[in-house]
Amino acid sequence: MDMNDISLVDTNTCLCRVDTGLKTVAGARKFVPGTKLCVQPDVKASIHPSRHKAKRANRNRNQSSPLLPGLPDDLAIACLIRVPRLEHTKLRLVCKRWYRLLLGNFFYTLRKNIGVSEEWMYVLKRDKDGKVSWHGFDPIYQLWQPLPPIPRDYFNALGFGCAVLNNCHLYLFGGKDPIKGSMRRVIFYSARTNKWHRAPDMLRRRHFFGSCVINNCLYVAGGEIDGSLRSAEVYDPNKNRWSFIAEMGTSMVPFIGVVYKGNWFLKGLGPHRQVLSEVYDPENDRWDTVYNGMIAGWRNPSAFVNDNLYALECRDGCKLRVYNSVTDSWNINHINSKLHVGNSHAHEAAALVPLCGKLCIVRNNLNISMVDLGAKGGVVAQLWETIAGKGQFRTFVTNLWSSFAGRDRLKKTHILHCQVLQI
């Protein structure tokens, strides 16, 4: 098949924006000689893209030029898909054909098929001033990567949800703006474009609600607006629309949730501040009250990995417990690092995230430990590994966070969400 016949994603977004990592137009011109540069407001250009279309003659000229001079396009693509993800922002600067290639599904499907797609972890934090920021972590090179700023609607938002669809889109939805109140707004960050985009609003305003992803569909339930809510809804990215699903048995403000064997378990506070637990069956669109050994010993954070449900046993994450569905009980001290790091807020484990086939324990000071759940027996040091803060850091952002992590000025910051995107 001739690669020239492949339909690549077209875009009119300029090449001098935030994903270039350059702060001035003059700096961008060094990497894109002869290109007419523009200056656009942060995020707005991505959420509200320009409708100006390139002239047909320019498009035809760009399509006819080879990706790599002297090589057919199929061989050129075979080379480009093997470039590490860390260098993708540089690839986008070479020419418009490369830029469009890195926006298309074809490029990333090939990366996944040959086993070179990479997972990065994205951490959203709230600092001591109440501002929300986020950071991307490359586990291969152990570097914190700069990211485009979060849109203003979520600078100070409370109780918003965060989830990943299509492996490469990170969604922020709902929440409460200190001035505007509860929101229906939905936005998403694309790891392919390194930009924020708009998505259809939710059907109901809500904050402090539960959310999950099942079969690449986003579910939300409960929460608050003027009192607690029973309503629930689902977003299907293929249809690009929200739909109501069955209401919960009682109104709830969830504080913990997990998808376990295809069902969504939620635990939270009811209208009289009593602790409630419900489970949602997506196949039958049905909610049921549940209280068993899993609910009794369930702690936050938790994660379902390799058909097992894991939760923290101690505050700093040095011990993990696992749920045994046969005995309907939790195995305490199932995994023990024997390396207690402390009880301070900075060392508190805020998230459990599957990453690169292992389980990551992320702490408020951005310290990250990885546990090899597949290893049996052996030395503890081979099962547990600290990947953040180790090795030679190469970027200003990395050095900055490494210097400040754990200091008193960050003692009041805490992690809100951790997600993994793969491209």
Protein backbone atom coordinates (compact mmCIF):
# COMPACT_ATOMS: atom_id res chain seq x y z
CA MET A 1 0.00 0.00 0.00
CA ASP A 2 1.32 3.43 -0.96
CA MET A 3 1.74 5.58 2.12
CA ASN A 4 0.94 8.69 0.08
CA ASP A 5 -2.65 7.43 -0.14
CA ILE A 6 -3.04 7.30 3.62
CA SER A 7 -5.35 9.98 4.97
CA LEU A 8 -3.51 11.87 7.69
CA VAL A 9 -5.12 14.19 10.20
CA ASP A 10 -5.07 17.76 8.93
CA THR A 11 -4.72 20.70 11.27
CA ASN A 12 -4.37 24.45 10.97
CA THR A 13 -2.95 24.98 14.44
CA CYS A 14 0.25 26.99 14.22
CA LEU A 15 3.65 25.42 14.86
CA CYS A 16 4.85 28.08 17.29
CA ARG A 17 2.55 27.26 20.23
CA VAL A 18 3.12 25.71 23.61
CA ASP A 19 4.02 22.19 22.48
CA THR A 20 7.18 23.50 20.85
CA GLY A 21 8.53 24.32 24.29
CA LEU A 22 9.68 27.73 23.00
CA LYS A 23 8.82 30.97 24.71
CA THR A 24 9.45 33.50 21.94
CA VAL A 25 8.58 33.84 18.30
CA ALA A 26 12.22 34.49 17.53
CA GLY A 27 13.17 31.22 19.19
CA ALA A 28 10.54 29.33 17.23
CA ARG A 29 11.75 30.81 13.93
CA LYS A 30 15.14 29.15 14.44
CA PHE A 31 13.44 25.75 14.30
CA VAL A 32 10.85 26.57 11.67
CA PRO A 33 12.70 28.74 9.14
CA GLY A 34 10.62 30.52 6.56
CA THR A 35 7.36 29.76 8.37
CA LYS A 36 4.95 32.56 9.08
CA LEU A 37 4.59 32.44 12.85
CA CYS A 38 1.63 33.58 14.86
CA VAL A 39 0.90 34.30 18.48
CA GLN A 40 -2.32 32.87 19.91
CA PRO A 41 -3.82 32.91 23.42
CA ASP A 42 -3.07 29.94 25.67
CA VAL A 43 -5.52 27.03 25.28
CA LYS A 44 -8.17 29.10 23.46
CA ALA A 45 -6.70 28.31 20.06
CA SER A 46 -6.92 24.60 20.75
CA ILE A 47 -10.39 24.68 22.28
CA HIS A 48 -11.68 27.02 19.57
CA PRO A 49 -9.53 26.15 16.51
CA SER A 50 -9.28 28.46 13.52
CA ARG A 51 -11.42 27.53 10.55
CA HIS A 52 -9.03 29.02 8.01
CA LYS A 53 -8.08 26.44 5.40
CA ALA A 54 -4.79 26.22 3.61
CA LYS A 55 -4.74 26.84 -0.10
CA ARG A 56 -5.12 23.77 -2.28
CA ALA A 57 -1.80 24.40 -4.04
CA ASN A 58 0.09 24.45 -0.72
CA ARG A 59 -1.63 21.26 0.43
CA ASN A 60 -0.77 19.44 -2.77
CA ARG A 61 2.86 20.57 -2.56
CA ASN A 62 3.16 19.40 1.04
CA GLN A 63 1.57 16.03 0.28
CA SER A 64 3.93 15.41 -2.66
CA SER A 65 7.12 16.09 -0.72
CA PRO A 66 8.70 12.96 0.84
CA LEU A 67 8.79 12.49 4.60
CA LEU A 68 12.51 11.73 4.39
CA PRO A 69 14.40 12.67 1.21
CA GLY A 70 15.70 9.62 -0.61
CA LEU A 71 13.37 7.15 1.14
CA PRO A 72 9.88 5.95 0.25
CA ASP A 73 7.29 7.04 2.78
CA ASP A 74 6.70 3.53 4.16
CA LEU A 75 10.38 3.24 5.18
CA ALA A 76 10.39 6.80 6.50
CA ILE A 77 7.38 6.07 8.70
CA ALA A 78 9.03 2.85 9.90
CA CYS A 79 11.91 5.02 11.13
CA LEU A 80 9.82 7.80 12.64
CA ILE A 81 7.54 5.55 14.69
CA ARG A 82 10.61 4.28 16.56
CA VAL A 83 11.65 7.74 17.77
CA PRO A 84 11.20 7.95 21.59
CA ARG A 85 8.16 9.85 22.78
CA LEU A 86 10.43 12.34 24.54
CA GLU A 87 11.46 13.69 21.11
CA HIS A 88 8.01 13.96 19.54
CA THR A 89 7.69 17.70 20.16
CA LYS A 90 10.83 18.19 18.07
CA LEU A 91 9.50 16.01 15.27
CA ARG A 92 6.44 18.24 14.97
CA LEU A 93 8.69 21.21 14.16
CA VAL A 94 10.36 19.69 11.11
CA CYS A 95 7.58 20.23 8.58
CA LYS A 96 3.81 20.17 8.20
CA ARG A 97 3.75 16.59 6.92
CA TRP A 98 5.56 15.39 10.03
CA TYR A 99 3.26 17.51 12.17
CA ARG A 100 0.15 15.96 10.60
CA LEU A 101 1.66 12.48 10.76
CA LEU A 102 2.09 12.78 14.53
CA LEU A 103 -1.55 13.81 14.92
CA GLY A 104 -2.99 10.80 13.10
CA ASN A 105 -4.22 7.49 14.45
CA PHE A 106 -2.11 5.64 11.90
CA PHE A 107 1.20 6.73 13.46
CA TYR A 108 0.27 5.64 16.99
CA THR A 109 -1.39 2.43 15.86
CA LEU A 110 1.89 1.40 14.26
CA ARG A 111 3.81 2.31 17.43
CA LYS A 112 1.49 0.11 19.46
CA ASN A 113 1.62 -2.76 16.97
CA ILE A 114 5.41 -2.99 17.10
CA GLY A 115 5.49 -2.56 20.89
CA VAL A 116 7.17 0.86 21.16
CA SER A 117 4.27 2.91 22.56
CA GLU A 118 5.15 4.55 25.87
CA GLU A 119 3.20 5.31 29.03
CA TRP A 120 3.61 8.60 30.89
CA MET A 121 2.05 9.46 34.21
CA TYR A 122 0.21 12.76 34.70
CA VAL A 123 -0.17 14.19 38.21
CA LEU A 124 -2.64 16.95 39.13
CA LYS A 125 -1.82 18.78 42.37
CA ARG A 126 -3.29 21.56 44.47
CA ASP A 127 -0.73 23.87 46.08
CA LYS A 128 -0.96 25.66 49.43
CA ASP A 129 -2.62 28.66 47.71
CA GLY A 130 -5.40 26.48 46.28
CA LYS A 131 -4.13 26.59 42.68
CA VAL A 132 -4.31 23.47 40.53
CA SER A 133 -1.27 22.52 38.46
CA TRP A 134 -0.11 19.38 36.73
CA HIS A 135 3.05 17.59 35.67
CA GLY A 136 3.96 14.76 33.29
CA PHE A 137 6.42 12.05 34.27
CA ASP A 138 8.42 9.94 31.81
CA PRO A 139 9.29 6.69 33.65
CA ILE A 140 11.85 5.57 31.06
CA TYR A 141 14.09 8.63 31.29
CA GLN A 142 12.80 9.52 34.79
CA LEU A 143 12.07 13.11 33.82
CA TRP A 144 9.26 15.51 34.71
CA GLN A 145 8.04 17.04 31.47
CA PRO A 146 6.59 20.56 30.94
CA LEU A 147 2.93 20.67 29.92
CA PRO A 148 0.55 23.34 28.61
CA PRO A 149 -1.25 25.16 31.44
CA ILE A 150 -4.58 23.91 32.72
CA PRO A 151 -7.47 26.03 31.39
CA ARG A 152 -8.61 28.82 33.69
CA ASP A 153 -11.92 27.14 34.52
CA TYR A 154 -9.97 24.60 36.57
CA PHE A 155 -7.32 26.83 38.18
CA ASN A 156 -9.29 26.95 41.44
CA ALA A 157 -11.94 24.30 40.85
CA LEU A 158 -12.99 21.95 43.64
CA GLY A 159 -14.34 18.42 43.46
CA PHE A 160 -13.83 17.86 39.71
CA GLY A 161 -13.38 14.49 38.03
CA CYS A 162 -10.46 13.17 36.01
CA ALA A 163 -10.35 10.14 33.69
CA VAL A 164 -8.66 8.76 30.57
CA LEU A 165 -10.39 7.69 27.37
CA ASN A 166 -8.85 6.22 24.21
CA ASN A 167 -5.57 5.78 26.17
CA CYS A 168 -4.41 9.23 25.07
CA HIS A 169 -7.09 11.73 26.18
CA LEU A 170 -7.19 13.02 29.75
CA TYR A 171 -10.59 14.46 30.69
CA LEU A 172 -11.45 17.02 33.37
CA PHE A 173 -15.17 17.38 34.06
CA GLY A 174 -17.62 18.90 36.47
CA GLY A 175 -16.41 20.45 39.72
CA LYS A 176 -17.18 23.69 41.49
CA ASP A 177 -15.83 27.08 40.53
CA PRO A 178 -15.47 29.36 43.61
CA ILE A 179 -17.36 32.12 41.76
CA LYS A 180 -19.61 30.40 39.21
CA GLY A 181 -20.55 27.41 41.36
CA SER A 182 -21.04 23.83 40.11
CA MET A 183 -20.15 23.17 36.47
CA ARG A 184 -21.18 20.89 33.63
CA ARG A 185 -18.04 21.71 31.67
CA VAL A 186 -15.91 18.95 30.10
CA ILE A 187 -12.47 19.45 28.56
CA PHE A 188 -9.75 17.02 27.56
CA TYR A 189 -6.01 17.07 26.96
CA SER A 190 -4.68 15.12 24.00
CA ALA A 191 -1.22 13.61 24.41
CA ARG A 192 -0.97 13.55 20.60
CA THR A 193 -1.50 17.28 20.10
CA ASN A 194 -0.22 18.40 23.53
CA LYS A 195 -3.24 20.74 23.69
CA TRP A 196 -6.56 21.12 25.48
CA HIS A 197 -9.87 20.70 23.66
CA ARG A 198 -13.58 21.03 24.48
CA ALA A 199 -16.02 18.12 24.79
CA PRO A 200 -19.83 18.09 25.26
CA ASP A 201 -20.96 19.31 28.69
CA MET A 202 -22.43 16.89 31.21
CA LEU A 203 -26.20 16.75 31.55
CA ARG A 204 -26.17 17.80 35.22
CA ARG A 205 -24.02 20.20 37.19
CA ARG A 206 -22.21 18.38 39.97
CA HIS A 207 -19.10 18.39 42.15
CA PHE A 208 -17.52 15.90 44.57
CA PHE A 209 -18.97 13.00 42.57
CA GLY A 210 -17.75 9.55 41.63
CA SER A 211 -16.41 8.65 38.19
CA CYS A 212 -14.92 5.68 36.37
CA VAL A 213 -14.20 4.28 32.90
CA ILE A 214 -15.74 1.01 31.69
CA ASN A 215 -15.32 -0.18 28.10
CA ASN A 216 -13.91 3.23 27.14
CA CYS A 217 -17.06 5.01 28.36
CA LEU A 218 -16.98 7.62 31.12
CA TYR A 219 -19.46 7.18 33.99
CA VAL A 220 -20.29 9.77 36.67
CA ALA A 221 -22.68 9.42 39.61
CA GLY A 222 -23.78 11.18 42.78
CA GLY A 223 -22.07 14.28 44.07
CA GLU A 224 -23.44 17.61 45.23
CA ILE A 225 -25.08 20.73 43.85
CA ASP A 226 -27.83 21.87 46.24
CA GLY A 227 -27.67 18.79 48.39
CA SER A 228 -26.48 15.33 47.37
CA LEU A 229 -27.51 13.73 44.06
CA ARG A 230 -28.81 10.34 42.97
CA SER A 231 -28.47 10.89 39.24
CA ALA A 232 -25.86 9.21 37.06
CA GLU A 233 -24.82 9.56 33.42
CA VAL A 234 -22.41 8.15 30.87
CA TYR A 235 -20.34 9.68 28.06
CA ASP A 236 -19.60 7.65 24.94
CA PRO A 237 -16.66 9.20 23.02
CA ASN A 238 -17.64 7.34 19.84
CA LYS A 239 -21.07 9.00 19.84
CA ASN A 240 -19.69 12.17 21.45
CA ARG A 241 -22.69 12.57 23.74
CA TRP A 242 -23.89 12.08 27.32
CA SER A 243 -26.85 9.91 28.35
CA PHE A 244 -28.59 9.34 31.67
CA ILE A 245 -28.35 5.90 33.25
CA ALA A 246 -30.27 4.39 36.18
CA GLU A 247 -30.29 6.50 39.33
CA MET A 248 -28.52 5.34 42.47
CA GLY A 249 -30.54 3.76 45.25
CA THR A 250 -29.93 6.79 47.45
CA SER A 251 -28.18 10.13 47.07
CA MET A 252 -24.47 9.95 47.85
CA VAL A 253 -21.28 11.99 47.91
CA PRO A 254 -18.68 9.31 47.04
CA PHE A 255 -15.21 9.41 48.57
CA ILE A 256 -13.85 6.19 47.06
CA GLY A 257 -14.61 4.13 43.98
CA VAL A 258 -13.13 1.36 41.85
CA VAL A 259 -14.04 -0.83 38.89
CA TYR A 260 -13.76 -4.43 40.05
CA LYS A 261 -14.43 -7.28 37.62
CA GLY A 262 -16.55 -5.12 35.34
CA ASN A 263 -18.72 -3.57 38.06
CA TRP A 264 -18.38 -0.12 39.58
CA PHE A 265 -18.18 0.01 43.38
CA LEU A 266 -18.79 3.29 45.20
CA LYS A 267 -18.52 4.18 48.88
CA GLY A 268 -19.54 7.55 50.26
CA LEU A 269 -21.70 9.66 52.55
CA GLY A 270 -25.49 9.63 52.34
CA PRO A 271 -27.90 12.52 52.94
CA HIS A 272 -27.59 12.12 56.72
CA ARG A 273 -23.79 11.75 56.54
CA GLN A 274 -24.03 7.99 57.01
CA VAL A 275 -21.59 5.72 55.14
CA LEU A 276 -23.20 3.98 52.16
CA SER A 277 -21.97 1.54 49.52
CA GLU A 278 -23.46 0.70 46.14
CA VAL A 279 -22.39 -1.26 43.08
CA TYR A 280 -23.38 -0.53 39.47
CA ASP A 281 -23.78 -3.27 36.85
CA PRO A 282 -23.35 -1.59 33.41
CA GLU A 283 -24.68 -4.58 31.48
CA ASN A 284 -28.04 -4.47 33.29
CA ASP A 285 -27.99 -0.72 34.08
CA ARG A 286 -28.71 -1.44 37.73
CA TRP A 287 -27.55 -0.21 41.15
CA ASP A 288 -27.52 -2.46 44.23
CA THR A 289 -26.61 -1.88 47.85
CA VAL A 290 -23.53 -3.84 48.83
CA TYR A 291 -21.74 -4.52 52.07
CA ASN A 292 -19.26 -7.38 52.21
CA GLY A 293 -15.71 -8.10 53.24
CA MET A 294 -14.35 -6.06 50.35
CA ILE A 295 -16.26 -2.94 51.41
CA ALA A 296 -15.40 -3.42 55.08
CA GLY A 297 -11.64 -3.40 54.53
CA TRP A 298 -11.57 -1.07 51.52
CA ARG A 299 -9.24 1.91 51.81
CA ASN A 300 -8.34 4.82 49.59
CA PRO A 301 -6.39 4.84 47.34
CA SER A 302 -6.92 1.49 45.67
CA ALA A 303 -6.33 -0.01 42.24
CA PHE A 304 -7.48 -3.06 40.28
CA VAL A 305 -4.41 -4.60 38.61
CA ASN A 306 -3.94 -8.05 37.08
CA ASP A 307 -7.37 -9.22 38.34
CA ASN A 308 -6.49 -8.25 41.91
CA LEU A 309 -7.71 -5.35 44.03
CA TYR A 310 -4.95 -3.60 45.98
CA ALA A 311 -5.20 -0.96 48.69
CA LEU A 312 -2.85 0.77 51.13
CA GLU A 313 -2.05 -0.81 54.45
CA CYS A 314 -0.10 2.14 55.86
CA ARG A 315 -0.19 5.88 55.23
CA ASP A 316 3.09 6.16 53.32
CA GLY A 317 2.35 3.18 51.08
CA CYS A 318 5.16 0.96 52.29
CA LYS A 319 2.67 -1.90 52.79
CA LEU A 320 -0.14 -3.08 50.53
CA ARG A 321 -3.15 -5.29 51.15
CA VAL A 322 -4.94 -7.39 48.53
CA TYR A 323 -8.55 -8.56 48.44
CA ASN A 324 -9.24 -12.30 48.31
CA SER A 325 -12.61 -12.88 46.66
CA VAL A 326 -12.70 -16.54 47.72
CA THR A 327 -12.54 -15.80 51.45
CA ASP A 328 -14.15 -12.35 51.05
CA SER A 329 -11.37 -10.81 53.12
CA TRP A 330 -8.25 -8.69 52.79
CA ASN A 331 -4.77 -10.15 53.11
CA ILE A 332 -2.95 -7.65 55.30
CA ASN A 333 0.78 -7.05 54.74
CA HIS A 334 0.52 -8.98 51.50
CA ILE A 335 3.31 -6.81 50.06
CA ASN A 336 5.73 -5.18 52.47
CA SER A 337 8.67 -3.03 51.40
CA LYS A 338 10.02 -2.87 54.99
CA LEU A 339 11.09 0.69 54.13
CA HIS A 340 8.91 3.10 56.12
CA VAL A 341 9.41 6.65 54.78
CA GLY A 342 7.44 8.59 57.38
CA ASN A 343 3.99 9.75 58.50
CA SER A 344 4.16 13.38 57.39
CA HIS A 345 1.67 14.84 54.92
CA ALA A 346 4.46 15.14 52.30
CA HIS A 347 5.12 11.38 52.47
CA GLU A 348 1.47 10.38 52.40
CA ALA A 349 0.63 8.03 49.51
CA ALA A 350 -2.07 9.75 47.48
CA ALA A 351 -2.51 7.41 44.51
CA LEU A 352 -2.03 3.87 43.25
CA VAL A 353 -1.58 3.73 39.47
CA PRO A 354 -0.69 0.86 37.10
CA LEU A 355 2.31 1.95 35.01
CA CYS A 356 4.53 -0.08 32.65
CA GLY A 357 3.21 -3.36 34.01
CA LYS A 358 3.89 -2.41 37.62
CA LEU A 359 1.99 -0.68 40.41
CA CYS A 360 3.05 2.91 41.18
CA ILE A 361 2.68 4.47 44.62
CA VAL A 362 2.64 8.26 44.26
CA ARG A 363 3.18 10.47 47.31
CA ASN A 364 2.34 14.12 47.89
CA ASN A 365 6.00 15.15 47.59
CA LEU A 366 6.10 13.55 44.09
CA ASN A 367 8.14 10.62 45.33
CA ILE A 368 7.19 7.56 43.26
CA SER A 369 7.76 3.89 44.08
CA MET A 370 7.09 1.01 41.71
CA VAL A 371 6.15 -2.50 42.82
CA ASP A 372 6.64 -5.51 40.58
CA LEU A 373 3.49 -7.48 41.32
CA GLY A 374 4.57 -10.34 39.08
CA ALA A 375 7.76 -11.07 41.03
CA LYS A 376 7.53 -13.99 43.43
CA GLY A 377 9.84 -14.15 46.38
CA GLY A 378 13.32 -12.71 45.99
CA VAL A 379 14.89 -9.68 47.56
CA VAL A 380 12.64 -6.79 48.57
CA ALA A 381 14.85 -4.34 46.66
CA GLN A 382 14.05 -6.23 43.47
CA LEU A 383 10.32 -5.96 44.09
CA TRP A 384 10.27 -2.26 45.07
CA GLU A 385 11.98 0.53 43.16
CA THR A 386 11.98 4.29 43.64
CA ILE A 387 11.89 5.90 40.20
CA ALA A 388 11.31 9.59 41.01
CA GLY A 389 14.26 11.52 42.41
CA LYS A 390 16.79 8.91 41.27
CA GLY A 391 19.42 9.50 38.63
CA GLN A 392 20.58 12.57 36.72
CA PHE A 393 17.79 15.05 35.97
CA ARG A 394 18.08 16.96 32.72
CA THR A 395 15.40 19.66 32.73
CA PHE A 396 14.71 22.82 34.67
CA VAL A 397 11.29 21.54 35.73
CA THR A 398 12.82 18.33 37.06
CA ASN A 399 15.46 20.17 39.04
CA LEU A 400 12.90 22.56 40.42
CA TRP A 401 10.56 19.88 41.67
CA SER A 402 13.40 17.73 42.97
CA SER A 403 14.71 20.68 45.01
CA PHE A 404 11.35 21.64 46.49
CA ALA A 405 9.78 18.22 47.03
CA GLY A 406 9.41 17.45 50.72
CA ARG A 407 10.22 20.97 51.94
CA ASP A 408 7.99 22.93 54.27
CA ARG A 409 6.68 25.13 51.47
CA LEU A 410 5.03 22.08 49.91
CA LYS A 411 3.78 20.54 53.12
CA LYS A 412 0.22 21.69 52.41
CA THR A 413 0.13 20.64 48.76
CA HIS A 414 -1.57 17.40 47.87
CA ILE A 415 -2.23 15.26 44.82
CA LEU A 416 -5.74 15.36 43.38
CA HIS A 417 -5.53 12.87 40.51
CA CYS A 418 -3.02 10.57 38.82
CA GLN A 419 -3.60 9.13 35.36
CA VAL A 420 -1.58 7.32 32.69
CA LEU A 421 -1.64 8.19 28.97
CA GLN A 422 -0.14 5.97 26.29
CA ILE A 423 1.03 6.97 22.80
